[in-house]
Amino acid sequence: MGELSGEGHSSVEDARACLDLVKLKIQEGRLFGVDSSRQGVIDHINEEKPVEKPELKHVAIDYQSVDTGSGTMIQVDNDNEVVDNFTREVDDADFLVLGLKELEASLGWSSCCRVKHDLEDSYTNLNNRLNTIYSLLPANSVFMVLGSHGQDSSPLNNLFQQRRVLMGKQGMGENVNKDLDVLRDSIKQEVHKLREAVGFVTIKPSDT
């Protein structure tokens, strides 16, 4: 039965392979199996810079742990902690990436944090935090704000839920596989919509 016997796909073999990978990651480390040739832009700049120039320091502040290469990762639980950590790091870091998620939670796009106030307050809080961040930047800093254009992510979440149900029915007939193929196409379309975004870029002027 399954891929090893030449009889097609086996969810049992997939599950065993996932467990084997989890075991290896526990033994070898979280990044086992990840493409080691990937390199962050700051790491690349530090490799190519003249020897006499100091290395750039980069920091990521977000709700989820991300691979920052040689940089520093600071994990937080709310947007206030994002700004507080930025305040502590901004004078020493050359490149900072911040994840502000309160507005997403208020809109129902994310379950990253609990929001106890209404949507209007979340917009006000976001504006205040962005103003605080901008005010603390040194002169001539590049300030970039990237965000979704307002596309609702609930259709994609519903498609993922449908896929989970169908995945549990695999092997129960050809129609299930056809439905999965259609669902994959729909998921790709929704992902493409959600990847559209808006961005704002400015350079903070010097005082002179």
Protein backbone atom coordinates (compact mmCIF):
# COMPACT_ATOMS: atom_id res chain seq x y z
CA MET A 1 0.00 0.00 0.00
CA GLY A 2 1.09 3.59 -0.58
CA GLU A 3 3.89 5.32 -2.45
CA LEU A 4 6.59 2.85 -1.42
CA SER A 5 4.64 -0.11 -2.82
CA GLY A 6 3.79 1.72 -6.03
CA GLU A 7 0.09 1.85 -5.32
CA GLY A 8 -0.27 5.61 -5.04
CA HIS A 9 -0.51 8.17 -2.25
CA SER A 10 -0.61 7.09 1.41
CA SER A 11 -1.53 9.49 4.19
CA VAL A 12 -0.05 7.00 6.69
CA GLU A 13 3.36 7.27 5.05
CA ASP A 14 3.04 11.08 5.00
CA ALA A 15 2.27 11.11 8.72
CA ARG A 16 5.24 8.86 9.48
CA ALA A 17 7.53 11.08 7.38
CA CYS A 18 6.34 14.16 9.32
CA LEU A 19 7.02 12.44 12.64
CA ASP A 20 10.49 11.43 11.44
CA LEU A 21 11.20 15.04 10.47
CA VAL A 22 9.99 16.32 13.85
CA LYS A 23 12.29 13.81 15.57
CA LEU A 24 15.25 14.98 13.47
CA LYS A 25 14.50 18.65 14.19
CA ILE A 26 14.45 17.87 17.92
CA GLN A 27 17.79 16.09 17.61
CA GLU A 28 19.52 18.39 15.10
CA GLY A 29 17.86 21.76 15.72
CA ARG A 30 14.91 23.82 14.50
CA LEU A 31 16.50 24.67 11.12
CA PHE A 32 17.27 21.06 10.15
CA GLY A 33 16.02 20.48 6.61
CA VAL A 34 15.84 24.20 5.78
CA ASP A 35 17.76 25.43 2.75
CA SER A 36 21.03 26.56 4.33
CA SER A 37 21.97 28.54 1.22
CA ARG A 38 19.32 31.18 1.94
CA GLN A 39 20.77 34.45 3.13
CA GLY A 40 19.21 37.60 4.49
CA VAL A 41 19.94 40.87 2.76
CA ILE A 42 21.76 42.31 5.81
CA ASP A 43 23.97 39.23 6.11
CA HIS A 44 24.79 39.59 2.42
CA ILE A 45 25.67 43.28 2.83
CA ASN A 46 27.90 42.46 5.80
CA GLU A 47 29.74 39.84 3.74
CA GLU A 48 30.34 42.19 0.82
CA LYS A 49 31.17 45.38 2.74
CA PRO A 50 34.74 46.73 2.98
CA VAL A 51 36.64 45.23 5.92
CA GLU A 52 37.12 48.59 7.63
CA LYS A 53 33.35 49.23 7.79
CA PRO A 54 31.45 47.98 10.87
CA GLU A 55 28.84 45.26 10.39
CA LEU A 56 25.19 46.29 10.22
CA LYS A 57 23.06 45.24 13.17
CA HIS A 58 19.53 44.09 12.38
CA VAL A 59 16.62 43.33 14.69
CA ALA A 60 13.19 41.78 14.12
CA ILE A 61 10.36 42.43 16.61
CA ASP A 62 7.26 40.33 16.01
CA TYR A 63 4.65 38.03 17.52
CA GLN A 64 6.19 34.95 15.90
CA SER A 65 9.78 33.82 15.89
CA VAL A 66 11.40 34.28 12.48
CA ASP A 67 14.82 33.37 11.15
CA THR A 68 16.91 36.55 11.22
CA GLY A 69 20.22 34.97 10.25
CA SER A 70 22.88 36.74 12.32
CA GLY A 71 20.35 39.29 13.58
CA THR A 72 18.36 39.51 16.81
CA MET A 73 14.80 38.21 17.16
CA ILE A 74 12.55 39.70 19.87
CA GLN A 75 9.19 37.98 20.36
CA VAL A 76 6.27 39.96 21.79
CA ASP A 77 2.63 39.53 22.84
CA ASN A 78 1.13 42.88 21.86
CA ASP A 79 1.77 46.06 19.88
CA ASN A 80 2.79 48.04 22.95
CA GLU A 81 5.67 45.61 23.46
CA VAL A 82 6.65 46.09 19.81
CA VAL A 83 7.03 49.84 20.33
CA ASP A 84 8.72 49.44 23.73
CA ASN A 85 11.35 47.11 22.29
CA PHE A 86 11.83 49.36 19.26
CA THR A 87 12.49 52.26 21.64
CA ARG A 88 15.24 50.26 23.32
CA GLU A 89 16.83 49.01 20.10
CA VAL A 90 16.56 51.94 17.69
CA ASP A 91 19.74 53.74 18.74
CA ASP A 92 21.95 50.68 18.26
CA ALA A 93 20.35 48.93 15.27
CA ASP A 94 20.83 49.76 11.60
CA PHE A 95 17.83 47.82 10.29
CA LEU A 96 14.64 47.00 12.18
CA VAL A 97 11.55 45.06 11.10
CA LEU A 98 8.42 45.42 13.26
CA GLY A 99 5.16 43.50 13.20
CA LEU A 100 2.14 45.48 14.41
CA LYS A 101 -0.89 43.14 14.56
CA GLU A 102 -3.52 44.78 16.77
CA LEU A 103 -5.48 46.16 13.82
CA GLU A 104 -5.47 42.76 12.11
CA ALA A 105 -6.89 41.22 15.29
CA SER A 106 -9.58 43.90 15.48
CA LEU A 107 -10.57 43.17 11.88
CA GLY A 108 -10.74 39.46 12.61
CA TRP A 109 -7.85 38.64 10.29
CA SER A 110 -5.59 37.35 13.04
CA SER A 111 -5.91 35.62 16.40
CA CYS A 112 -2.46 36.75 17.53
CA CYS A 113 -3.71 38.89 20.40
CA ARG A 114 -6.83 39.88 22.33
CA VAL A 115 -8.24 43.32 21.60
CA LYS A 116 -10.58 44.85 24.18
CA HIS A 117 -11.54 48.01 22.29
CA ASP A 118 -13.38 48.83 19.07
CA LEU A 119 -12.02 49.09 15.56
CA GLU A 120 -11.79 52.88 15.56
CA ASP A 121 -9.54 52.77 18.61
CA SER A 122 -7.30 50.23 16.86
CA TYR A 123 -6.85 52.61 13.93
CA THR A 124 -6.04 55.45 16.35
CA ASN A 125 -3.57 53.26 18.25
CA LEU A 126 -1.84 52.24 15.02
CA ASN A 127 -1.46 55.86 13.93
CA ASN A 128 -0.08 56.83 17.34
CA ARG A 129 2.42 53.96 17.31
CA LEU A 130 3.59 54.79 13.80
CA ASN A 131 4.06 58.42 14.83
CA THR A 132 6.07 57.32 17.88
CA ILE A 133 8.25 55.03 15.75
CA TYR A 134 8.86 57.74 13.17
CA SER A 135 9.69 60.36 15.81
CA LEU A 136 12.39 58.12 17.32
CA LEU A 137 14.14 57.39 14.03
CA PRO A 138 17.42 59.22 13.43
CA ALA A 139 17.60 61.72 10.57
CA ASN A 140 17.98 60.29 7.06
CA SER A 141 16.38 56.96 8.05
CA VAL A 142 14.30 55.14 5.44
CA PHE A 143 10.83 54.54 6.90
CA MET A 144 8.64 51.91 5.21
CA VAL A 145 5.08 50.90 6.10
CA LEU A 146 3.64 47.83 4.39
CA GLY A 147 0.17 46.42 4.88
CA SER A 148 -2.78 44.67 3.34
CA HIS A 149 -5.13 46.69 1.14
CA GLY A 150 -8.12 45.44 3.15
CA GLN A 151 -8.79 42.07 1.54
CA ASP A 152 -10.84 39.83 3.84
CA SER A 153 -8.96 36.64 4.71
CA SER A 154 -12.04 34.70 5.90
CA PRO A 155 -12.67 33.09 2.45
CA LEU A 156 -9.16 31.63 2.54
CA ASN A 157 -9.68 30.36 6.08
CA ASN A 158 -12.92 28.69 4.96
CA LEU A 159 -11.09 27.03 2.06
CA PHE A 160 -8.44 25.69 4.43
CA GLN A 161 -11.21 24.27 6.62
CA GLN A 162 -12.78 22.56 3.59
CA ARG A 163 -9.39 21.15 2.64
CA ARG A 164 -8.89 19.67 6.10
CA VAL A 165 -12.25 17.90 5.81
CA LEU A 166 -11.45 16.54 2.35
CA MET A 167 -7.96 15.45 3.37
CA GLY A 168 -9.62 13.24 5.98
CA LYS A 169 -11.67 11.60 3.22
CA GLN A 170 -8.77 10.84 0.88
CA GLY A 171 -8.91 7.35 -0.58
CA MET A 172 -12.73 7.30 -0.43
CA GLY A 173 -13.22 7.83 -4.14
CA GLU A 174 -12.17 9.72 -7.27
CA ASN A 175 -14.59 12.57 -6.59
CA VAL A 176 -12.71 13.49 -3.41
CA ASN A 177 -9.46 13.86 -5.34
CA LYS A 178 -11.19 16.00 -7.98
CA ASP A 179 -12.67 18.21 -5.25
CA LEU A 180 -9.20 18.60 -3.72
CA ASP A 181 -7.76 19.70 -7.07
CA VAL A 182 -10.50 22.33 -7.46
CA LEU A 183 -9.94 23.47 -3.89
CA ARG A 184 -6.19 23.87 -4.44
CA ASP A 185 -6.87 26.17 -7.41
CA SER A 186 -9.27 28.25 -5.31
CA ILE A 187 -6.72 28.52 -2.50
CA LYS A 188 -4.04 29.71 -4.95
CA GLN A 189 -6.39 32.44 -6.21
CA GLU A 190 -7.22 33.64 -2.70
CA VAL A 191 -3.55 33.63 -1.68
CA HIS A 192 -2.75 35.75 -4.73
CA LYS A 193 -5.40 38.30 -3.67
CA LEU A 194 -4.08 38.46 -0.11
CA ARG A 195 -0.52 38.99 -1.28
CA GLU A 196 -1.55 42.28 -2.85
CA ALA A 197 -0.58 45.10 -0.53
CA VAL A 198 0.02 48.80 -0.17
CA GLY A 199 3.26 50.42 0.92
CA PHE A 200 4.50 53.84 1.92
CA VAL A 201 8.15 54.87 1.88
CA THR A 202 9.76 58.08 3.03
CA ILE A 203 13.14 59.35 4.21
CA LYS A 204 13.16 61.24 7.48
CA PRO A 205 14.73 64.64 6.77
CA SER A 206 17.62 66.00 8.77
CA ASP A 207 17.06 68.92 11.10
CA THR A 208 19.31 71.16 9.04
